[in-house]
Amino acid sequence: MLLRDFVNTLQQGEPPMGVSTLLEALWYDAKGNWVKAHGLAQSVHTARGAWVHAYLHRKEGDLANAAYWYARARKEVPMISLDEEWERICTILLSNF
């Protein structure tokens, strides 16, 4: 699945079948359901899970918590927009789909 295909699923009422928990979290985030996205992200105990978790706290505005999760993900706090980061994370996760 390409990023544009994933973005097109945002018109639907449910995330696409078979996507990872982290892509599902980013789908819910894009739909405006931060709480659902956060719950899904924090259930994945990997570096990529920490990255999505970090992004969500950055979006929330909790920059100290975000910095902690970026460190857990072994990532620098990004200097790009939230939209750009969402696309970057999705693209990487989709490359494994």
Protein backbone atom coordinates (compact mmCIF):
# COMPACT_ATOMS: atom_id res chain seq x y z
CA MET A 1 0.00 0.00 0.00
CA LEU A 2 1.28 3.45 -0.89
CA LEU A 3 0.90 6.55 1.25
CA ARG A 4 -1.75 8.01 -1.07
CA ASP A 5 -3.76 4.77 -0.78
CA PHE A 6 -3.52 4.92 3.01
CA VAL A 7 -4.57 8.57 3.03
CA ASN A 8 -7.56 7.70 0.82
CA THR A 9 -8.77 5.24 3.49
CA LEU A 10 -9.35 8.21 5.79
CA GLN A 11 -12.64 8.67 3.93
CA GLN A 12 -13.82 5.35 5.37
CA GLY A 13 -15.29 4.70 8.79
CA GLU A 14 -12.75 2.05 9.78
CA PRO A 15 -9.00 1.64 9.25
CA PRO A 16 -7.94 -0.62 6.41
CA MET A 17 -7.91 -4.34 7.14
CA GLY A 18 -4.56 -5.90 7.89
CA VAL A 19 -2.56 -2.78 8.73
CA SER A 20 -0.25 -2.84 11.71
CA THR A 21 -1.29 -1.50 15.10
CA LEU A 22 0.96 1.52 14.55
CA LEU A 23 -0.59 2.36 11.19
CA GLU A 24 -3.98 1.96 12.80
CA ALA A 25 -2.87 4.43 15.49
CA LEU A 26 -1.79 6.94 12.85
CA TRP A 27 -5.07 6.41 10.99
CA TYR A 28 -7.05 7.25 14.14
CA ASP A 29 -4.80 10.23 14.79
CA ALA A 30 -5.52 11.57 11.30
CA LYS A 31 -9.24 11.09 11.96
CA GLY A 32 -8.93 13.25 15.10
CA ASN A 33 -9.11 10.47 17.68
CA TRP A 34 -5.91 11.13 19.62
CA VAL A 35 -6.99 9.05 22.62
CA LYS A 36 -7.55 5.92 20.51
CA ALA A 37 -4.30 6.56 18.63
CA HIS A 38 -2.37 6.95 21.86
CA GLY A 39 -3.80 3.77 23.35
CA LEU A 40 -2.79 1.79 20.30
CA ALA A 41 0.69 3.32 20.09
CA GLN A 42 1.53 2.71 23.72
CA SER A 43 0.62 -0.97 23.32
CA VAL A 44 3.53 -1.52 20.90
CA HIS A 45 6.77 -1.92 22.83
CA THR A 46 9.28 -1.39 20.03
CA ALA A 47 11.39 1.52 18.81
CA ARG A 48 8.79 2.24 16.14
CA GLY A 49 6.05 2.14 18.76
CA ALA A 50 8.05 4.67 20.77
CA TRP A 51 8.37 6.84 17.65
CA VAL A 52 4.61 6.94 17.07
CA HIS A 53 4.09 7.52 20.79
CA ALA A 54 6.59 10.41 20.64
CA TYR A 55 4.87 11.95 17.63
CA LEU A 56 1.50 11.79 19.40
CA HIS A 57 2.85 13.54 22.52
CA ARG A 58 4.50 16.17 20.31
CA LYS A 59 1.15 16.71 18.62
CA GLU A 60 -0.52 16.93 22.02
CA GLY A 61 1.97 19.64 22.99
CA ASP A 62 3.60 17.62 25.79
CA LEU A 63 7.13 18.24 24.54
CA ALA A 64 8.93 16.84 27.59
CA ASN A 65 7.06 13.54 27.30
CA ALA A 66 7.62 13.57 23.53
CA ALA A 67 11.37 14.05 24.03
CA TYR A 68 11.45 11.03 26.36
CA TRP A 69 9.73 8.86 23.73
CA TYR A 70 11.92 10.15 20.90
CA ALA A 71 14.93 9.10 22.98
CA ARG A 72 13.35 5.66 23.50
CA ALA A 73 12.85 5.47 19.72
CA ARG A 74 16.48 6.52 19.20
CA LYS A 75 15.31 9.52 17.18
CA GLU A 76 16.09 13.22 17.38
CA VAL A 77 13.14 15.50 18.10
CA PRO A 78 12.18 16.52 14.56
CA MET A 79 12.25 20.05 13.25
CA ILE A 80 9.58 19.36 10.62
CA SER A 81 5.85 19.93 10.76
CA LEU A 82 3.56 17.39 12.39
CA ASP A 83 2.01 16.66 8.99
CA GLU A 84 5.42 15.95 7.49
CA GLU A 85 6.33 13.68 10.38
CA TRP A 86 3.01 11.80 10.10
CA GLU A 87 3.69 11.20 6.41
CA ARG A 88 7.28 10.13 7.09
CA ILE A 89 6.26 7.62 9.75
CA CYS A 90 3.42 6.25 7.62
CA THR A 91 5.70 5.88 4.60
CA ILE A 92 8.23 3.90 6.60
CA LEU A 93 5.60 1.70 8.22
CA LEU A 94 3.85 1.13 4.89
CA SER A 95 7.14 0.00 3.32
CA ASN A 96 6.86 -3.07 5.56
CA PHE A 97 3.19 -3.66 4.78
